[in-house]
């Protein structure tokens, strides 16, 4: 991810790459006590996706992985 993550869910928009797939929210680095249930998000379908729990918006950047 291109921006350093805070230790809580304070981020509202993040850019992700193929290295971040499979994408889930809360992302790695967020303390479990401050999060919500983990949900996997399909950012490849449209290039953008928002978490239904916290509203964090993820945007895909770069080349899509082969086979997706």
PDB file of N, CA and C in Angstrom:
ATOM      1  N   UNK A   1       0.843  -1.173   0.000  1.00  0.00           N
ATOM      2  CA  UNK A   1       0.000   0.000   0.000  1.00  0.00           C
ATOM      3  C   UNK A   1       0.885   1.230   0.000  1.00  0.00           C
ATOM      4  N   UNK A   2       0.441   2.241  -0.651  1.00  0.00           N
ATOM      5  CA  UNK A   2       1.328   3.372  -0.872  1.00  0.00           C
ATOM      6  C   UNK A   2       1.460   4.298   0.316  1.00  0.00           C
ATOM      7  N   UNK A   3       0.526   4.294   1.242  1.00  0.00           N
ATOM      8  CA  UNK A   3       0.587   5.188   2.396  1.00  0.00           C
ATOM      9  C   UNK A   3       0.810   4.360   3.647  1.00  0.00           C
ATOM     10  N   UNK A   4       1.620   4.849   4.577  1.00  0.00           N
ATOM     11  CA  UNK A   4       1.785   4.103   5.821  1.00  0.00           C
ATOM     12  C   UNK A   4       0.463   4.035   6.576  1.00  0.00           C
ATOM     13  N   UNK A   5       0.186   2.871   7.114  1.00  0.00           N
ATOM     14  CA  UNK A   5      -1.071   2.683   7.828  1.00  0.00           C
ATOM     15  C   UNK A   5      -0.948   3.158   9.260  1.00  0.00           C
ATOM     16  N   UNK A   6      -1.964   3.786   9.722  1.00  0.00           N
ATOM     17  CA  UNK A   6      -2.040   4.129  11.136  1.00  0.00           C
ATOM     18  C   UNK A   6      -2.332   2.837  11.883  1.00  0.00           C
ATOM     19  N   UNK A   7      -2.206   2.858  13.166  1.00  0.00           N
ATOM     20  CA  UNK A   7      -2.460   1.661  13.959  1.00  0.00           C
ATOM     21  C   UNK A   7      -3.947   1.484  14.263  1.00  0.00           C
ATOM     22  N   UNK A   8      -4.777   2.389  13.779  1.00  0.00           N
ATOM     23  CA  UNK A   8      -6.226   2.248  13.894  1.00  0.00           C
ATOM     24  C   UNK A   8      -6.818   2.447  12.510  1.00  0.00           C
ATOM     25  N   UNK A   9      -8.126   2.366  12.400  1.00  0.00           N
ATOM     26  CA  UNK A   9      -8.778   2.514  11.105  1.00  0.00           C
ATOM     27  C   UNK A   9      -9.051   3.971  10.783  1.00  0.00           C
ATOM     28  N   UNK A  10      -8.034   4.804  10.808  1.00  0.00           N
ATOM     29  CA  UNK A  10      -8.228   6.217  10.536  1.00  0.00           C
ATOM     30  C   UNK A  10      -8.055   6.551   9.064  1.00  0.00           C
ATOM     31  N   UNK A  11      -7.502   5.626   8.284  1.00  0.00           N
ATOM     32  CA  UNK A  11      -7.306   5.876   6.856  1.00  0.00           C
ATOM     33  C   UNK A  11      -8.645   5.847   6.142  1.00  0.00           C
ATOM     34  N   UNK A  12      -8.868   6.772   5.221  1.00  0.00           N
ATOM     35  CA  UNK A  12     -10.122   6.797   4.491  1.00  0.00           C
ATOM     36  C   UNK A  12      -9.950   6.434   3.033  1.00  0.00           C
ATOM     37  N   UNK A  13      -8.729   6.497   2.500  1.00  0.00           N
ATOM     38  CA  UNK A  13      -8.474   6.129   1.112  1.00  0.00           C
ATOM     39  C   UNK A  13      -7.065   5.558   0.998  1.00  0.00           C
ATOM     40  N   UNK A  14      -6.970   4.395   0.368  1.00  0.00           N
ATOM     41  CA  UNK A  14      -5.684   3.739   0.191  1.00  0.00           C
ATOM     42  C   UNK A  14      -5.564   3.242  -1.239  1.00  0.00           C
ATOM     43  N   UNK A  15      -4.359   3.303  -1.785  1.00  0.00           N
ATOM     44  CA  UNK A  15      -4.075   2.735  -3.089  1.00  0.00           C
ATOM     45  C   UNK A  15      -3.375   1.406  -2.876  1.00  0.00           C
ATOM     46  N   UNK A  16      -3.842   0.373  -3.582  1.00  0.00           N
ATOM     47  CA  UNK A  16      -3.280  -0.967  -3.430  1.00  0.00           C
ATOM     48  C   UNK A  16      -2.754  -1.451  -4.775  1.00  0.00           C
ATOM     49  N   UNK A  17      -1.851  -2.422  -4.713  1.00  0.00           N
ATOM     50  CA  UNK A  17      -1.273  -3.027  -5.911  1.00  0.00           C
ATOM     51  C   UNK A  17      -1.496  -4.536  -5.854  1.00  0.00           C
ATOM     52  N   UNK A  18      -1.013  -5.229  -6.863  1.00  0.00           N
ATOM     53  CA  UNK A  18      -1.155  -6.688  -6.915  1.00  0.00           C
ATOM     54  C   UNK A  18      -0.507  -7.357  -5.708  1.00  0.00           C
ATOM     55  N   UNK A  19       0.518  -6.751  -5.148  1.00  0.00           N
ATOM     56  CA  UNK A  19       1.195  -7.321  -3.977  1.00  0.00           C
ATOM     57  C   UNK A  19       0.295  -7.329  -2.743  1.00  0.00           C
ATOM     58  N   UNK A  20      -0.756  -6.514  -2.738  1.00  0.00           N
ATOM     59  CA  UNK A  20      -1.667  -6.424  -1.589  1.00  0.00           C
ATOM     60  C   UNK A  20      -2.836  -7.399  -1.685  1.00  0.00           C
ATOM     61  N   UNK A  21      -2.894  -8.169  -2.762  1.00  0.00           N
ATOM     62  CA  UNK A  21      -4.011  -9.097  -2.956  1.00  0.00           C
ATOM     63  C   UNK A  21      -3.723 -10.429  -2.302  1.00  0.00           C
ATOM     64  N   UNK A  22      -4.699 -11.157  -1.808  1.00  0.00           N
ATOM     65  CA  UNK A  22      -6.099 -10.768  -1.748  1.00  0.00           C
ATOM     66  C   UNK A  22      -6.307  -9.633  -0.749  1.00  0.00           C
ATOM     67  N   UNK A  23      -7.138  -8.699  -1.140  1.00  0.00           N
ATOM     68  CA  UNK A  23      -7.368  -7.504  -0.341  1.00  0.00           C
ATOM     69  C   UNK A  23      -8.405  -7.774   0.745  1.00  0.00           C
ATOM     70  N   UNK A  24      -8.076  -7.355   1.945  1.00  0.00           N
ATOM     71  CA  UNK A  24      -9.049  -7.464   3.031  1.00  0.00           C
ATOM     72  C   UNK A  24      -8.969  -6.232   3.915  1.00  0.00           C
ATOM     73  N   UNK A  25     -10.052  -5.967   4.577  1.00  0.00           N
ATOM     74  CA  UNK A  25     -10.138  -4.859   5.518  1.00  0.00           C
ATOM     75  C   UNK A  25     -10.640  -5.435   6.835  1.00  0.00           C
ATOM     76  N   UNK A  26     -10.073  -5.078   7.957  1.00  0.00           N
ATOM     77  CA  UNK A  26      -8.974  -4.153   8.119  1.00  0.00           C
ATOM     78  C   UNK A  26      -7.682  -4.726   7.565  1.00  0.00           C
ATOM     79  N   UNK A  27      -6.811  -3.850   7.036  1.00  0.00           N
ATOM     80  CA  UNK A  27      -5.547  -4.309   6.459  1.00  0.00           C
ATOM     81  C   UNK A  27      -4.544  -4.701   7.538  1.00  0.00           C
ATOM     82  N   UNK A  28      -3.469  -5.301   7.097  1.00  0.00           N
ATOM     83  CA  UNK A  28      -2.390  -5.662   8.019  1.00  0.00           C
ATOM     84  C   UNK A  28      -1.886  -4.414   8.709  1.00  0.00           C
ATOM     85  N   UNK A  29      -1.513  -4.539   9.965  1.00  0.00           N
ATOM     86  CA  UNK A  29      -0.966  -3.413  10.706  1.00  0.00           C
ATOM     87  C   UNK A  29      -1.978  -2.705  11.587  1.00  0.00           C
ATOM     88  N   UNK A  30      -3.253  -2.997  11.414  1.00  0.00           N
ATOM     89  CA  UNK A  30      -4.286  -2.376  12.250  1.00  0.00           C
ATOM     90  C   UNK A  30      -4.463  -3.247  13.491  1.00  0.00           C
ATOM     91  N   UNK A  31      -4.465  -2.610  14.636  1.00  0.00           N
ATOM     92  CA  UNK A  31      -4.645  -3.360  15.878  1.00  0.00           C
ATOM     93  C   UNK A  31      -6.036  -3.996  15.899  1.00  0.00           C
ATOM     94  N   UNK A  32      -6.087  -5.250  16.304  1.00  0.00           N
ATOM     95  CA  UNK A  32      -7.346  -5.996  16.262  1.00  0.00           C
ATOM     96  C   UNK A  32      -8.437  -5.381  17.128  1.00  0.00           C
ATOM     97  N   UNK A  33      -8.075  -4.804  18.247  1.00  0.00           N
ATOM     98  CA  UNK A  33      -9.096  -4.251  19.142  1.00  0.00           C
ATOM     99  C   UNK A  33      -9.816  -3.063  18.519  1.00  0.00           C
ATOM    100  N   UNK A  34      -9.202  -2.378  17.561  1.00  0.00           N
ATOM    101  CA  UNK A  34      -9.816  -1.186  16.994  1.00  0.00           C
ATOM    102  C   UNK A  34     -10.507  -1.476  15.662  1.00  0.00           C
ATOM    103  N   UNK A  35     -10.540  -2.728  15.278  1.00  0.00           N
ATOM    104  CA  UNK A  35     -11.057  -3.071  13.961  1.00  0.00           C
ATOM    105  C   UNK A  35     -12.468  -3.601  13.964  1.00  0.00           C
ATOM    106  N   UNK A  36     -12.822  -4.122  12.841  1.00  0.00           N
ATOM    107  CA  UNK A  36     -14.120  -4.753  12.628  1.00  0.00           C
ATOM    108  C   UNK A  36     -13.845  -6.149  12.082  1.00  0.00           C
ATOM    109  N   UNK A  37     -14.871  -6.978  11.880  1.00  0.00           N
ATOM    110  CA  UNK A  37     -14.610  -8.309  11.307  1.00  0.00           C
ATOM    111  C   UNK A  37     -13.894  -8.191   9.963  1.00  0.00           C
ATOM    112  N   UNK A  38     -12.994  -9.106   9.691  1.00  0.00           N
ATOM    113  CA  UNK A  38     -12.262  -9.081   8.425  1.00  0.00           C
ATOM    114  C   UNK A  38     -13.213  -9.396   7.278  1.00  0.00           C
ATOM    115  N   UNK A  39     -13.149  -8.575   6.250  1.00  0.00           N
ATOM    116  CA  UNK A  39     -13.951  -8.776   5.053  1.00  0.00           C
ATOM    117  C   UNK A  39     -13.020  -8.688   3.849  1.00  0.00           C
ATOM    118  N   UNK A  40     -13.151  -9.647   2.931  1.00  0.00           N
ATOM    119  CA  UNK A  40     -12.344  -9.636   1.715  1.00  0.00           C
ATOM    120  C   UNK A  40     -13.072  -8.820   0.658  1.00  0.00           C
ATOM    121  N   UNK A  41     -12.307  -7.991  -0.068  1.00  0.00           N
ATOM    122  CA  UNK A  41     -12.885  -7.036  -1.014  1.00  0.00           C
ATOM    123  C   UNK A  41     -12.338  -7.286  -2.418  1.00  0.00           C
ATOM    124  N   UNK A  42     -13.222  -7.231  -3.425  1.00  0.00           N
ATOM    125  CA  UNK A  42     -12.831  -7.441  -4.820  1.00  0.00           C
ATOM    126  C   UNK A  42     -12.560  -6.102  -5.492  1.00  0.00           C
ATOM    127  N   UNK A  43     -11.334  -5.642  -5.395  1.00  0.00           N
ATOM    128  CA  UNK A  43     -10.952  -4.354  -5.964  1.00  0.00           C
ATOM    129  C   UNK A  43     -10.672  -4.465  -7.466  1.00  0.00           C
ATOM    130  N   UNK A  44     -10.458  -5.679  -7.972  1.00  0.00           N
ATOM    131  CA  UNK A  44     -10.120  -5.843  -9.383  1.00  0.00           C
ATOM    132  C   UNK A  44     -11.328  -5.689 -10.307  1.00  0.00           C
ATOM    133  N   UNK A  45     -12.505  -5.929  -9.811  1.00  0.00           N
ATOM    134  CA  UNK A  45     -13.705  -5.885 -10.654  1.00  0.00           C
ATOM    135  C   UNK A  45     -13.904  -4.507 -11.287  1.00  0.00           C
ATOM    136  N   UNK A  46     -13.818  -3.449 -10.499  1.00  0.00           N
ATOM    137  CA  UNK A  46     -14.045  -2.099 -11.013  1.00  0.00           C
ATOM    138  C   UNK A  46     -12.847  -1.174 -10.817  1.00  0.00           C
ATOM    139  N   UNK A  47     -11.848  -1.629 -10.063  1.00  0.00           N
ATOM    140  CA  UNK A  47     -10.690  -0.788  -9.792  1.00  0.00           C
ATOM    141  C   UNK A  47     -10.815   0.000  -8.496  1.00  0.00           C
ATOM    142  N   UNK A  48     -12.011   0.000  -7.917  1.00  0.00           N
ATOM    143  CA  UNK A  48     -12.256   0.682  -6.638  1.00  0.00           C
ATOM    144  C   UNK A  48     -13.257  -0.132  -5.832  1.00  0.00           C
ATOM    145  N   UNK A  49     -13.117  -0.041  -4.521  1.00  0.00           N
ATOM    146  CA  UNK A  49     -14.068  -0.718  -3.640  1.00  0.00           C
ATOM    147  C   UNK A  49     -14.018  -0.028  -2.280  1.00  0.00           C
ATOM    148  N   UNK A  50     -15.147  -0.006  -1.594  1.00  0.00           N
ATOM    149  CA  UNK A  50     -15.223   0.580  -0.248  1.00  0.00           C
ATOM    150  C   UNK A  50     -15.596  -0.515   0.740  1.00  0.00           C
ATOM    151  N   UNK A  51     -14.996  -0.469   1.906  1.00  0.00           N
ATOM    152  CA  UNK A  51     -15.311  -1.425   2.959  1.00  0.00           C
ATOM    153  C   UNK A  51     -16.718  -1.149   3.474  1.00  0.00           C
ATOM    154  N   UNK A  52     -17.564  -2.168   3.555  1.00  0.00           N
ATOM    155  CA  UNK A  52     -18.924  -1.950   4.053  1.00  0.00           C
ATOM    156  C   UNK A  52     -18.988  -1.637   5.546  1.00  0.00           C
ATOM    157  N   UNK A  53     -17.920  -1.925   6.289  1.00  0.00           N
ATOM    158  CA  UNK A  53     -17.912  -1.669   7.730  1.00  0.00           C
ATOM    159  C   UNK A  53     -17.428  -0.265   8.076  1.00  0.00           C
ATOM    160  N   UNK A  54     -16.248   0.102   7.566  1.00  0.00           N
ATOM    161  CA  UNK A  54     -15.636   1.365   7.994  1.00  0.00           C
ATOM    162  C   UNK A  54     -15.614   2.434   6.910  1.00  0.00           C
ATOM    163  N   UNK A  55     -15.924   2.060   5.669  1.00  0.00           N
ATOM    164  CA  UNK A  55     -15.965   3.035   4.588  1.00  0.00           C
ATOM    165  C   UNK A  55     -14.624   3.352   3.955  1.00  0.00           C
ATOM    166  N   UNK A  56     -13.546   2.710   4.394  1.00  0.00           N
ATOM    167  CA  UNK A  56     -12.245   2.949   3.773  1.00  0.00           C
ATOM    168  C   UNK A  56     -12.344   2.610   2.293  1.00  0.00           C
ATOM    169  N   UNK A  57     -11.854   3.512   1.444  1.00  0.00           N
ATOM    170  CA  UNK A  57     -11.906   3.312  -0.003  1.00  0.00           C
ATOM    171  C   UNK A  57     -10.557   2.819  -0.494  1.00  0.00           C
ATOM    172  N   UNK A  58     -10.587   1.759  -1.273  1.00  0.00           N
ATOM    173  CA  UNK A  58      -9.384   1.169  -1.850  1.00  0.00           C
ATOM    174  C   UNK A  58      -9.427   1.353  -3.358  1.00  0.00           C
ATOM    175  N   UNK A  59      -8.302   1.785  -3.935  1.00  0.00           N
ATOM    176  CA  UNK A  59      -8.175   1.961  -5.373  1.00  0.00           C
ATOM    177  C   UNK A  59      -7.003   1.120  -5.852  1.00  0.00           C
ATOM    178  N   UNK A  60      -7.229   0.341  -6.909  1.00  0.00           N
ATOM    179  CA  UNK A  60      -6.162  -0.505  -7.450  1.00  0.00           C
ATOM    180  C   UNK A  60      -5.318   0.289  -8.419  1.00  0.00           C
ATOM    181  N   UNK A  61      -4.005   0.100  -8.334  1.00  0.00           N
ATOM    182  CA  UNK A  61      -3.066   0.789  -9.209  1.00  0.00           C
ATOM    183  C   UNK A  61      -2.079  -0.229  -9.758  1.00  0.00           C
ATOM    184  N   UNK A  62      -1.770  -0.120 -11.029  1.00  0.00           N
ATOM    185  CA  UNK A  62      -0.774  -1.004 -11.623  1.00  0.00           C
ATOM    186  C   UNK A  62      -1.406  -2.093 -12.466  1.00  0.00           C
ATOM    187  N   UNK A  63      -0.568  -3.044 -12.820  1.00  0.00           N
ATOM    188  CA  UNK A  63      -1.011  -4.146 -13.680  1.00  0.00           C
ATOM    189  C   UNK A  63      -1.755  -5.197 -12.864  1.00  0.00           C
ATOM    190  N   UNK A  64      -2.878  -5.638 -13.402  1.00  0.00           N
ATOM    191  CA  UNK A  64      -3.638  -6.700 -12.732  1.00  0.00           C
ATOM    192  C   UNK A  64      -2.859  -8.014 -12.820  1.00  0.00           C
ATOM    193  N   UNK A  65      -2.962  -8.829 -11.781  1.00  0.00           N
ATOM    194  CA  UNK A  65      -2.268 -10.110 -11.819  1.00  0.00           C
ATOM    195  C   UNK A  65      -2.889 -11.019 -12.885  1.00  0.00           C
ATOM    196  N   UNK A  66      -2.102 -11.888 -13.465  1.00  0.00           N
ATOM    197  CA  UNK A  66      -2.597 -12.816 -14.473  1.00  0.00           C
ATOM    198  C   UNK A  66      -3.525 -13.827 -13.830  1.00  0.00           C
ATOM    199  N   UNK A  67      -4.574 -14.194 -14.543  1.00  0.00           N
ATOM    200  CA  UNK A  67      -5.527 -15.178 -14.026  1.00  0.00           C
ATOM    201  C   UNK A  67      -6.655 -14.574 -13.238  1.00  0.00           C
ATOM    202  N   UNK A  68      -6.741 -13.239 -13.198  1.00  0.00           N
ATOM    203  CA  UNK A  68      -7.841 -12.580 -12.485  1.00  0.00           C
ATOM    204  C   UNK A  68      -8.714 -11.834 -13.443  1.00  0.00           C
TER     205      UNK A  68
END
